[in-house]
Protein backbone atom coordinates (compact mmCIF):
# COMPACT_ATOMS: atom_id res chain seq x y z
CA MET A 1 25.29 30.34 -55.98
CA ARG A 2 27.34 33.51 -56.56
CA TYR A 3 29.05 34.04 -53.27
CA MET A 4 31.73 37.12 -52.96
CA MET A 5 33.93 35.80 -50.45
CA LEU A 6 35.51 39.93 -48.42
CA ILE A 7 38.95 38.80 -47.25
CA HIS A 8 40.34 40.77 -43.87
CA HIS A 9 43.10 40.24 -42.62
CA ASP A 10 45.40 41.59 -39.80
CA GLU A 11 48.49 43.34 -42.26
CA PRO A 12 51.24 43.37 -39.32
CA ALA A 13 50.86 38.67 -39.16
CA MET A 14 50.44 39.45 -43.58
CA ALA A 15 53.58 41.32 -43.44
CA ALA A 16 55.16 39.52 -41.09
CA ALA A 17 54.36 35.59 -43.10
CA ASP A 18 56.54 33.85 -45.27
CA GLN A 19 56.19 36.29 -48.15
CA LYS A 20 57.50 33.70 -50.78
CA GLN A 21 55.43 31.34 -48.71
CA LEU A 22 51.93 32.44 -48.95
CA TRP A 23 52.16 33.54 -52.94
CA GLN A 24 53.38 30.12 -53.26
CA ASP A 25 50.19 29.11 -51.16
CA TYR A 26 47.99 32.22 -52.91
CA ALA A 27 48.99 30.72 -56.75
CA ALA A 28 47.84 27.11 -55.67
CA PHE A 29 44.93 28.37 -54.47
CA ASN A 30 44.04 30.69 -57.57
CA GLU A 31 44.89 27.53 -59.41
CA ALA A 32 42.38 25.20 -57.80
CA LEU A 33 39.79 27.76 -57.57
CA ALA A 34 39.45 28.44 -61.38
CA LYS A 35 40.22 24.66 -62.22
CA ALA A 36 37.04 23.38 -59.99
CA THR A 37 34.83 26.02 -60.29
CA GLY A 38 36.09 28.46 -63.50
CA ALA A 39 36.68 31.27 -60.68
CA SER A 40 39.26 34.21 -61.44
CA SER A 41 41.13 34.71 -59.11
CA GLY A 42 40.10 37.10 -56.47
CA GLU A 43 41.70 41.47 -56.84
CA ARG A 44 43.60 42.48 -53.87
CA LEU A 45 43.88 46.30 -52.53
CA GLU A 46 46.47 48.30 -50.94
CA PRO A 47 46.69 48.20 -47.49
CA ALA A 48 44.36 49.59 -45.24
CA GLY A 49 46.45 52.81 -44.35
CA LYS A 50 46.06 54.06 -48.10
CA ALA A 51 41.94 54.12 -47.62
CA THR A 52 39.89 57.38 -48.05
CA THR A 53 35.98 57.51 -46.86
CA ILE A 54 33.48 59.50 -46.86
CA ARG A 55 30.88 59.61 -44.83
CA THR A 56 27.53 62.47 -44.53
CA LEU A 57 25.87 63.25 -42.04
CA GLY A 58 22.93 65.55 -42.75
CA GLU A 59 24.54 69.30 -44.75
CA LYS A 60 28.14 67.99 -43.67
CA THR A 61 30.21 65.09 -45.79
CA GLU A 62 33.44 64.30 -44.16
CA VAL A 63 37.65 63.29 -46.14
CA LEU A 64 38.77 60.87 -43.97
CA ASP A 65 42.14 59.54 -44.39
CA GLY A 66 42.87 55.60 -44.02
CA PRO A 67 39.39 52.81 -42.90
CA TYR A 68 36.85 53.52 -41.87
CA ALA A 69 37.20 51.41 -38.64
CA ASP A 70 39.82 51.28 -37.10
CA THR A 71 40.28 47.28 -36.31
CA LYS A 72 42.71 45.23 -35.94
CA GLU A 73 41.92 43.27 -39.33
CA GLN A 74 41.79 45.23 -42.83
CA PHE A 75 39.48 44.67 -46.10
CA ALA A 76 42.36 43.03 -47.99
CA GLY A 77 40.41 42.26 -51.37
CA TYR A 78 37.57 39.83 -52.79
CA PHE A 79 36.49 37.21 -54.58
CA PHE A 80 33.87 35.10 -56.18
CA VAL A 81 32.36 31.70 -56.34
CA ASP A 82 29.77 30.02 -58.09
CA VAL A 83 28.78 26.93 -56.19
CA PRO A 84 25.79 25.29 -55.11
CA THR A 85 26.08 25.51 -51.66
CA LEU A 86 26.66 27.12 -49.08
CA GLU A 87 29.52 25.27 -47.82
CA GLU A 88 30.55 24.19 -50.53
CA ALA A 89 31.86 28.57 -50.56
CA VAL A 90 32.65 28.21 -47.62
CA ALA A 91 35.51 25.06 -48.38
CA TRP A 92 37.05 26.88 -50.20
CA ALA A 93 37.26 30.69 -47.06
CA LYS A 94 38.59 27.27 -45.52
CA ARG A 95 41.01 27.65 -47.85
CA CYS A 96 41.83 31.07 -48.97
CA PRO A 97 45.29 31.80 -47.89
CA SER A 98 44.26 34.89 -45.93
CA SER A 99 42.14 32.50 -43.79
CA ARG A 100 44.85 31.66 -41.84
CA PHE A 101 45.54 36.12 -40.46
CA GLY A 102 42.21 36.92 -40.51
CA SER A 103 39.30 36.32 -41.90
CA ILE A 104 37.28 35.49 -44.89
CA GLU A 105 33.39 36.98 -44.71
CA ILE A 106 30.66 35.17 -46.95
CA ARG A 107 27.63 36.64 -48.67
CA PRO A 108 25.35 35.65 -51.34
CA LEU A 109 24.72 37.35 -54.24
CA HIS A 110 21.74 39.40 -54.41
CA VAL A 111 19.42 38.17 -57.66
CA PRO A 112 17.42 40.06 -59.11
CA GLY A 113 14.23 40.06 -59.16
CA ALA A 114 13.95 37.03 -56.40
CA ASP A 115 12.99 39.02 -53.66
CA TRP A 116 9.82 40.46 -55.95
CA LYS A 117 7.36 38.37 -55.16
């Protein structure tokens, strides 16, 4: 089953972390992930302050600077894993360095036609 891991972290906490160690941890994580599952490293996003959010309500469309929600944790990036079980996806999410600074949301990818019976 393919899962998408959505990384949400606290940007100030990440910025305060030992950057050299953090990126060494990420390099090791990405290498282990690729070796074990064949997955490539994920994609990192620019900080939430650089986001632009579009919202359409009825006939009115708003273009907002910044993220959709003002929360402590911001969407920061993602990666995919292809593993047999949710438990294995959870194990990879626990190993992700960003899990120390926020949360990793795991979602199975939709399989087209799987819900058509």
